Structure formats: C-alpha cells, structure tokens
Amino acid sequence: MDFNVQIAETFRANQGVVREPMNFGNSLVLVHVPKKDGTKRVTPLASVSVNGAWHVVGSAGGSPKDPAWAFSLRRAEAVQIEVPGDPIRTVDVSVRELTGAERDEVWAVFAEKMPGFADYEKTAGDRVIPVFRLTP
C-alpha cells in the first residue's frame, strides 16, 4: 500500500492520531492538493498551529528540491484540509506561502516541536524550505 494512503487511512480511523508507521501523534493534517489535471491528491503533512492557522512545510525529507505538492499549493488560492478531532473535520482554508521573518518564525516552531525538521535544512543545500499558512 502507498505510504501516503496508509497514513491517510490511519488518520481517518483514529480521529487524526497517527502513531504507525511513524509517530506523528495528532500533528498531521490531510491536505487536498489540487493537481494540474483538475484532480486532487490527499497528502498527509505534519503541521503546527500558530495564531489560529495551520502551517505545513515542504521539507521533502531534506531533499534539495521542493516536493511536487508545494508547487500545487503555490498555484492554489484555497484548499480543503482534514484536521484531527472526534469527528475529523474538513475545513476550507486559504493558502499563503510565508517568506522572510514570518517564514523563519514558523520554521522555528517546527524545529522546536519536531527536531527532525532542523536536520532537513542541513541536507537541503541552498534551498529555503517553504512554509505555507492554511487559514480558515
């Protein structure tokens, strides 16, 4: 089974708590990412909540290239996300990529809450890992 499909199924079966195959706890959201062909792909992404919005990062595991979904979010003005809870809620959100100090502030929150993200900067080369704000 595809890794993302497995994570999404676990997310939906456990009110948004995912401990297997990796321990994400309740820090994931499922983002309905619009593709060029008009379809949507459900992508599970680690998130942090800051100032009433969810934030996701395009870490791509520290790859020197942005993940494909980041390009799709850059084109989208709004998407739907599924958020943890009992029941899981689907929320319409606007999308905005953060830059400069605003991006750095949210990135620091990710690195503090999920220390593995700090390591991704080391392997990403010159790439600035994108941070997206998802606001209801």
N, C-alpha and C. Protein backbone atom coordinates (compact mmCIF):
# COMPACT_ATOMS: atom_id res chain seq x y z
N MET A 1 0.84 -1.18 0.00
CA MET A 1 0.00 0.00 0.00
C MET A 1 0.89 1.25 0.00
N ASP A 2 0.49 2.24 -0.76
CA ASP A 2 1.21 3.52 -0.82
C ASP A 2 1.31 4.12 0.59
N PHE A 3 2.49 4.67 0.91
CA PHE A 3 2.75 5.23 2.24
C PHE A 3 1.73 6.31 2.60
N ASN A 4 1.48 7.26 1.69
CA ASN A 4 0.52 8.33 1.98
C ASN A 4 -0.89 7.81 2.18
N VAL A 5 -1.28 6.81 1.41
CA VAL A 5 -2.61 6.21 1.57
C VAL A 5 -2.71 5.55 2.94
N GLN A 6 -1.66 4.83 3.34
CA GLN A 6 -1.64 4.19 4.66
C GLN A 6 -1.78 5.23 5.78
N ILE A 7 -1.03 6.34 5.67
CA ILE A 7 -1.11 7.40 6.69
C ILE A 7 -2.50 8.00 6.72
N ALA A 8 -3.08 8.28 5.55
CA ALA A 8 -4.42 8.88 5.48
C ALA A 8 -5.47 7.96 6.09
N GLU A 9 -5.37 6.67 5.80
CA GLU A 9 -6.33 5.71 6.36
C GLU A 9 -6.20 5.63 7.87
N THR A 10 -4.97 5.62 8.38
CA THR A 10 -4.74 5.58 9.82
C THR A 10 -5.28 6.86 10.46
N PHE A 11 -5.02 8.00 9.85
CA PHE A 11 -5.51 9.30 10.32
C PHE A 11 -7.03 9.26 10.48
N ARG A 12 -7.72 8.81 9.44
CA ARG A 12 -9.19 8.80 9.45
C ARG A 12 -9.76 7.78 10.41
N ALA A 13 -9.06 6.68 10.62
CA ALA A 13 -9.55 5.63 11.51
C ALA A 13 -9.34 5.96 12.98
N ASN A 14 -8.44 6.91 13.28
CA ASN A 14 -8.07 7.19 14.67
C ASN A 14 -8.24 8.66 15.06
N GLN A 15 -9.25 9.33 14.50
CA GLN A 15 -9.56 10.72 14.82
C GLN A 15 -8.36 11.65 14.63
N GLY A 16 -7.50 11.31 13.69
CA GLY A 16 -6.36 12.17 13.38
C GLY A 16 -5.08 11.84 14.12
N VAL A 17 -5.09 10.81 14.94
CA VAL A 17 -3.87 10.41 15.65
C VAL A 17 -3.17 9.32 14.83
N VAL A 18 -1.90 9.56 14.51
CA VAL A 18 -1.13 8.59 13.73
C VAL A 18 0.14 8.25 14.51
N ARG A 19 0.27 6.98 14.89
CA ARG A 19 1.45 6.52 15.61
C ARG A 19 2.24 5.49 14.80
N GLU A 20 1.63 4.92 13.78
CA GLU A 20 2.27 3.91 12.93
C GLU A 20 2.02 4.28 11.48
N PRO A 21 2.92 4.11 10.59
CA PRO A 21 4.25 3.55 10.72
C PRO A 21 5.26 4.53 11.32
N MET A 22 4.85 5.79 11.50
CA MET A 22 5.70 6.78 12.18
C MET A 22 4.84 7.48 13.21
N ASN A 23 5.44 7.97 14.28
CA ASN A 23 4.68 8.62 15.34
C ASN A 23 4.53 10.11 15.06
N PHE A 24 3.39 10.45 14.46
CA PHE A 24 3.05 11.84 14.21
C PHE A 24 2.14 12.39 15.30
N GLY A 25 1.60 11.50 16.15
CA GLY A 25 0.63 11.96 17.14
C GLY A 25 -0.55 12.60 16.45
N ASN A 26 -0.97 13.78 16.92
CA ASN A 26 -2.08 14.48 16.27
C ASN A 26 -1.59 15.74 15.55
N SER A 27 -0.36 15.68 15.03
CA SER A 27 0.21 16.84 14.38
C SER A 27 0.01 16.85 12.86
N LEU A 28 -0.72 15.87 12.33
CA LEU A 28 -0.94 15.82 10.88
C LEU A 28 -2.22 16.52 10.49
N VAL A 29 -2.22 17.02 9.25
CA VAL A 29 -3.44 17.39 8.56
C VAL A 29 -3.40 16.69 7.21
N LEU A 30 -4.55 16.41 6.65
CA LEU A 30 -4.62 15.86 5.30
C LEU A 30 -4.99 17.01 4.38
N VAL A 31 -4.11 17.33 3.44
CA VAL A 31 -4.32 18.46 2.54
C VAL A 31 -4.80 17.91 1.20
N HIS A 32 -5.91 18.43 0.71
CA HIS A 32 -6.45 18.06 -0.59
C HIS A 32 -5.78 18.96 -1.63
N VAL A 33 -4.67 18.49 -2.17
CA VAL A 33 -3.83 19.28 -3.06
C VAL A 33 -4.36 19.19 -4.49
N PRO A 34 -4.67 20.34 -5.10
CA PRO A 34 -5.16 20.32 -6.49
C PRO A 34 -4.00 20.03 -7.45
N LYS A 35 -4.26 19.13 -8.40
CA LYS A 35 -3.25 18.81 -9.40
C LYS A 35 -3.56 19.56 -10.70
N LYS A 36 -2.59 19.64 -11.59
CA LYS A 36 -2.77 20.36 -12.86
C LYS A 36 -3.95 19.83 -13.66
N ASP A 37 -4.21 18.52 -13.57
CA ASP A 37 -5.29 17.93 -14.37
C ASP A 37 -6.67 18.11 -13.75
N GLY A 38 -6.75 18.85 -12.63
CA GLY A 38 -8.05 19.12 -12.01
C GLY A 38 -8.43 18.15 -10.91
N THR A 39 -7.70 17.04 -10.79
CA THR A 39 -7.99 16.10 -9.70
C THR A 39 -7.32 16.60 -8.43
N LYS A 40 -7.60 15.93 -7.33
CA LYS A 40 -6.98 16.28 -6.06
C LYS A 40 -6.29 15.06 -5.49
N ARG A 41 -5.18 15.31 -4.83
CA ARG A 41 -4.45 14.25 -4.15
C ARG A 41 -4.45 14.57 -2.66
N VAL A 42 -4.77 13.59 -1.85
CA VAL A 42 -4.74 13.77 -0.40
C VAL A 42 -3.32 13.51 0.08
N THR A 43 -2.73 14.54 0.69
CA THR A 43 -1.35 14.46 1.14
C THR A 43 -1.29 14.69 2.65
N PRO A 44 -0.83 13.69 3.42
CA PRO A 44 -0.68 13.90 4.87
C PRO A 44 0.58 14.71 5.15
N LEU A 45 0.42 15.79 5.93
CA LEU A 45 1.55 16.66 6.22
C LEU A 45 1.59 17.00 7.70
N ALA A 46 2.80 16.98 8.26
CA ALA A 46 2.97 17.44 9.64
C ALA A 46 2.59 18.91 9.68
N SER A 47 1.96 19.33 10.77
CA SER A 47 1.53 20.72 10.87
C SER A 47 1.74 21.24 12.28
N VAL A 48 1.81 22.56 12.37
CA VAL A 48 1.78 23.24 13.65
C VAL A 48 0.74 24.34 13.54
N SER A 49 0.10 24.61 14.66
CA SER A 49 -0.88 25.68 14.70
C SER A 49 -0.25 26.91 15.34
N VAL A 50 -0.31 28.03 14.61
CA VAL A 50 0.22 29.29 15.10
C VAL A 50 -0.79 30.38 14.74
N ASN A 51 -1.20 31.16 15.73
CA ASN A 51 -2.11 32.29 15.51
C ASN A 51 -3.38 31.91 14.75
N GLY A 52 -3.99 30.77 15.12
CA GLY A 52 -5.27 30.38 14.55
C GLY A 52 -5.22 29.79 13.16
N ALA A 53 -4.03 29.47 12.67
CA ALA A 53 -3.90 28.86 11.35
C ALA A 53 -3.01 27.63 11.45
N TRP A 54 -3.19 26.71 10.49
CA TRP A 54 -2.30 25.56 10.40
C TRP A 54 -1.16 25.93 9.48
N HIS A 55 0.00 25.35 9.73
CA HIS A 55 1.18 25.59 8.90
C HIS A 55 1.80 24.26 8.53
N VAL A 56 2.21 24.14 7.27
CA VAL A 56 2.88 22.94 6.78
C VAL A 56 4.15 23.37 6.07
N VAL A 57 5.13 22.47 6.03
CA VAL A 57 6.40 22.80 5.39
C VAL A 57 6.71 21.80 4.28
N GLY A 58 7.36 22.30 3.24
CA GLY A 58 7.76 21.46 2.11
C GLY A 58 9.17 20.95 2.30
N SER A 59 9.38 20.17 3.34
CA SER A 59 10.73 19.72 3.67
C SER A 59 11.25 18.68 2.69
N ALA A 60 10.38 17.85 2.16
CA ALA A 60 10.77 16.76 1.26
C ALA A 60 11.89 15.93 1.87
N GLY A 61 11.84 15.77 3.20
CA GLY A 61 12.85 14.97 3.89
C GLY A 61 14.26 15.51 3.75
N GLY A 62 14.38 16.82 3.50
CA GLY A 62 15.69 17.43 3.36
C GLY A 62 16.26 17.35 1.96
N SER A 63 15.44 17.01 0.99
CA SER A 63 15.88 16.96 -0.40
C SER A 63 16.26 18.36 -0.90
N PRO A 64 17.15 18.43 -1.88
CA PRO A 64 17.48 19.74 -2.44
C PRO A 64 16.38 20.31 -3.34
N LYS A 65 15.28 19.57 -3.55
CA LYS A 65 14.17 20.03 -4.38
C LYS A 65 12.89 20.08 -3.57
N ASP A 66 12.03 21.07 -3.87
CA ASP A 66 10.72 21.14 -3.22
C ASP A 66 9.87 19.94 -3.63
N PRO A 67 8.99 19.50 -2.74
CA PRO A 67 8.08 18.42 -3.13
C PRO A 67 7.08 18.93 -4.16
N ALA A 68 6.56 18.03 -4.98
CA ALA A 68 5.62 18.40 -6.04
C ALA A 68 4.40 19.13 -5.49
N TRP A 69 3.92 18.71 -4.31
CA TRP A 69 2.71 19.35 -3.76
C TRP A 69 2.95 20.82 -3.45
N ALA A 70 4.19 21.23 -3.18
CA ALA A 70 4.47 22.64 -2.88
C ALA A 70 4.16 23.51 -4.09
N PHE A 71 4.49 23.04 -5.28
CA PHE A 71 4.19 23.80 -6.49
C PHE A 71 2.68 23.93 -6.67
N SER A 72 1.95 22.87 -6.34
CA SER A 72 0.49 22.92 -6.44
C SER A 72 -0.11 23.90 -5.45
N LEU A 73 0.41 23.92 -4.22
CA LEU A 73 -0.11 24.88 -3.23
C LEU A 73 0.20 26.32 -3.65
N ARG A 74 1.32 26.52 -4.30
CA ARG A 74 1.66 27.88 -4.77
C ARG A 74 0.65 28.37 -5.80
N ARG A 75 0.07 27.47 -6.58
CA ARG A 75 -0.92 27.83 -7.59
C ARG A 75 -2.32 27.99 -7.00
N ALA A 76 -2.54 27.38 -5.84
CA ALA A 76 -3.89 27.35 -5.26
C ALA A 76 -4.12 28.56 -4.36
N GLU A 77 -5.30 29.13 -4.44
CA GLU A 77 -5.68 30.19 -3.51
C GLU A 77 -6.31 29.59 -2.26
N ALA A 78 -6.97 28.45 -2.44
CA ALA A 78 -7.65 27.79 -1.32
C ALA A 78 -7.64 26.29 -1.55
N VAL A 79 -7.68 25.56 -0.45
CA VAL A 79 -7.76 24.10 -0.49
C VAL A 79 -8.62 23.64 0.68
N GLN A 80 -8.88 22.36 0.74
CA GLN A 80 -9.52 21.77 1.91
C GLN A 80 -8.48 20.97 2.66
N ILE A 81 -8.63 20.97 4.00
CA ILE A 81 -7.80 20.12 4.83
C ILE A 81 -8.70 19.34 5.77
N GLU A 82 -8.24 18.17 6.18
CA GLU A 82 -8.90 17.39 7.22
C GLU A 82 -8.04 17.53 8.46
N VAL A 83 -8.69 17.85 9.59
CA VAL A 83 -7.96 18.11 10.82
C VAL A 83 -8.39 17.12 11.90
N PRO A 84 -7.47 16.80 12.83
CA PRO A 84 -7.77 15.84 13.89
C PRO A 84 -8.94 16.27 14.75
N GLY A 85 -9.64 15.29 15.29
CA GLY A 85 -10.75 15.54 16.20
C GLY A 85 -11.71 14.38 16.16
N ASP A 86 -12.70 14.45 17.00
CA ASP A 86 -13.72 13.41 17.03
C ASP A 86 -15.08 14.09 16.89
N PRO A 87 -15.58 14.22 15.68
CA PRO A 87 -15.07 13.62 14.43
C PRO A 87 -14.00 14.49 13.77
N ILE A 88 -13.31 13.89 12.82
CA ILE A 88 -12.37 14.63 11.98
C ILE A 88 -13.19 15.67 11.22
N ARG A 89 -12.65 16.88 11.12
CA ARG A 89 -13.36 17.95 10.41
C ARG A 89 -12.65 18.25 9.09
N THR A 90 -13.44 18.62 8.10
CA THR A 90 -12.91 19.13 6.84
C THR A 90 -13.10 20.63 6.87
N VAL A 91 -12.01 21.37 6.60
CA VAL A 91 -12.01 22.82 6.72
C VAL A 91 -11.53 23.43 5.40
N ASP A 92 -12.26 24.43 4.91
CA ASP A 92 -11.80 25.20 3.76
C ASP A 92 -10.80 26.23 4.26
N VAL A 93 -9.64 26.30 3.62
CA VAL A 93 -8.60 27.22 4.06
C VAL A 93 -8.02 27.97 2.86
N SER A 94 -7.58 29.19 3.12
CA SER A 94 -6.80 29.91 2.12
C SER A 94 -5.34 29.51 2.29
N VAL A 95 -4.57 29.61 1.21
CA VAL A 95 -3.17 29.19 1.21
C VAL A 95 -2.29 30.41 0.95
N ARG A 96 -1.25 30.54 1.76
CA ARG A 96 -0.26 31.59 1.51
C ARG A 96 1.11 31.07 1.91
N GLU A 97 2.06 31.21 1.00
CA GLU A 97 3.43 30.84 1.32
C GLU A 97 4.07 31.98 2.10
N LEU A 98 4.70 31.64 3.20
CA LEU A 98 5.34 32.65 4.05
C LEU A 98 6.77 32.90 3.57
N THR A 99 7.23 34.13 3.77
CA THR A 99 8.59 34.49 3.40
C THR A 99 9.22 35.30 4.52
N GLY A 100 10.52 35.47 4.43
CA GLY A 100 11.26 36.34 5.34
C GLY A 100 11.10 35.96 6.80
N ALA A 101 10.99 36.98 7.64
CA ALA A 101 10.92 36.79 9.09
C ALA A 101 9.69 35.99 9.49
N GLU A 102 8.59 36.18 8.77
CA GLU A 102 7.35 35.44 9.08
C GLU A 102 7.57 33.94 8.86
N ARG A 103 8.22 33.59 7.78
CA ARG A 103 8.54 32.18 7.50
C ARG A 103 9.50 31.64 8.55
N ASP A 104 10.53 32.41 8.87
CA ASP A 104 11.53 31.95 9.83
C ASP A 104 10.92 31.70 11.21
N GLU A 105 9.97 32.53 11.60
CA GLU A 105 9.30 32.38 12.90
C GLU A 105 8.55 31.06 12.98
N VAL A 106 7.80 30.73 11.94
CA VAL A 106 7.04 29.47 11.94
C VAL A 106 7.99 28.29 11.78
N TRP A 107 9.03 28.43 10.97
CA TRP A 107 10.02 27.36 10.82
C TRP A 107 10.62 27.02 12.18
N ALA A 108 10.92 28.03 13.00
CA ALA A 108 11.50 27.80 14.33
C ALA A 108 10.54 27.00 15.21
N VAL A 109 9.24 27.24 15.06
CA VAL A 109 8.25 26.47 15.83
C VAL A 109 8.30 25.00 15.40
N PHE A 110 8.37 24.75 14.08
CA PHE A 110 8.50 23.37 13.60
C PHE A 110 9.75 22.71 14.18
N ALA A 111 10.87 23.39 14.09
CA ALA A 111 12.13 22.81 14.55
C ALA A 111 12.11 22.53 16.04
N GLU A 112 11.39 23.35 16.79
CA GLU A 112 11.30 23.13 18.24
C GLU A 112 10.38 21.96 18.56
N LYS A 113 9.22 21.89 17.90
CA LYS A 113 8.24 20.84 18.19
C LYS A 113 8.62 19.50 17.57
N MET A 114 9.31 19.55 16.43
CA MET A 114 9.69 18.35 15.71
C MET A 114 11.15 18.48 15.30
N PRO A 115 12.08 18.16 16.21
CA PRO A 115 13.51 18.43 15.99
C PRO A 115 14.09 17.84 14.70
N GLY A 116 13.49 16.80 14.17
CA GLY A 116 13.99 16.22 12.92
C GLY A 116 13.97 17.22 11.76
N PHE A 117 13.06 18.18 11.82
CA PHE A 117 12.97 19.17 10.74
C PHE A 117 14.23 20.04 10.67
N ALA A 118 14.85 20.31 11.79
CA ALA A 118 16.07 21.13 11.79
C ALA A 118 17.17 20.46 10.97
N ASP A 119 17.22 19.14 11.00
CA ASP A 119 18.23 18.41 10.23
C ASP A 119 18.00 18.55 8.72
N TYR A 120 16.75 18.75 8.32
CA TYR A 120 16.45 18.86 6.88
C TYR A 120 17.13 20.07 6.25
N GLU A 121 17.30 21.13 7.00
CA GLU A 121 17.97 22.31 6.46
C GLU A 121 19.41 21.99 6.06
N LYS A 122 20.03 21.10 6.79
CA LYS A 122 21.43 20.75 6.52
C LYS A 122 21.59 20.01 5.20
N THR A 123 20.61 19.19 4.85
CA THR A 123 20.73 18.39 3.65
C THR A 123 20.03 19.01 2.44
N ALA A 124 19.27 20.08 2.65
CA ALA A 124 18.52 20.72 1.56
C ALA A 124 19.41 21.62 0.70
N GLY A 125 20.65 21.79 1.08
CA GLY A 125 21.56 22.63 0.30
C GLY A 125 21.16 24.09 0.40
N ASP A 126 21.13 24.77 -0.73
CA ASP A 126 20.78 26.19 -0.77
C ASP A 126 19.28 26.43 -0.76
N ARG A 127 18.49 25.37 -0.81
CA ARG A 127 17.04 25.52 -0.89
C ARG A 127 16.48 26.03 0.43
N VAL A 128 15.66 27.05 0.36
CA VAL A 128 14.92 27.51 1.53
C VAL A 128 13.64 26.68 1.58
N ILE A 129 13.47 25.93 2.65
CA ILE A 129 12.32 25.04 2.77
C ILE A 129 11.05 25.89 2.91
N PRO A 130 10.08 25.69 2.00
CA PRO A 130 8.89 26.52 2.03
C PRO A 130 7.98 26.21 3.21
N VAL A 131 7.34 27.27 3.71
CA VAL A 131 6.37 27.16 4.80
C VAL A 131 5.06 27.78 4.28
N PHE A 132 3.96 27.07 4.45
CA PHE A 132 2.65 27.53 3.97
C PHE A 132 1.71 27.72 5.16
N ARG A 133 0.97 28.82 5.13
CA ARG A 133 -0.07 29.08 6.13
C ARG A 133 -1.40 28.69 5.51
N LEU A 134 -2.17 27.90 6.26
CA LEU A 134 -3.51 27.46 5.86
C LEU A 134 -4.50 28.08 6.83
N THR A 135 -5.20 29.10 6.38
CA THR A 135 -6.06 29.89 7.26
C THR A 135 -7.54 29.63 6.96
N PRO A 136 -8.33 29.28 8.00
CA PRO A 136 -9.76 29.06 7.77
C PRO A 136 -10.45 30.32 7.24
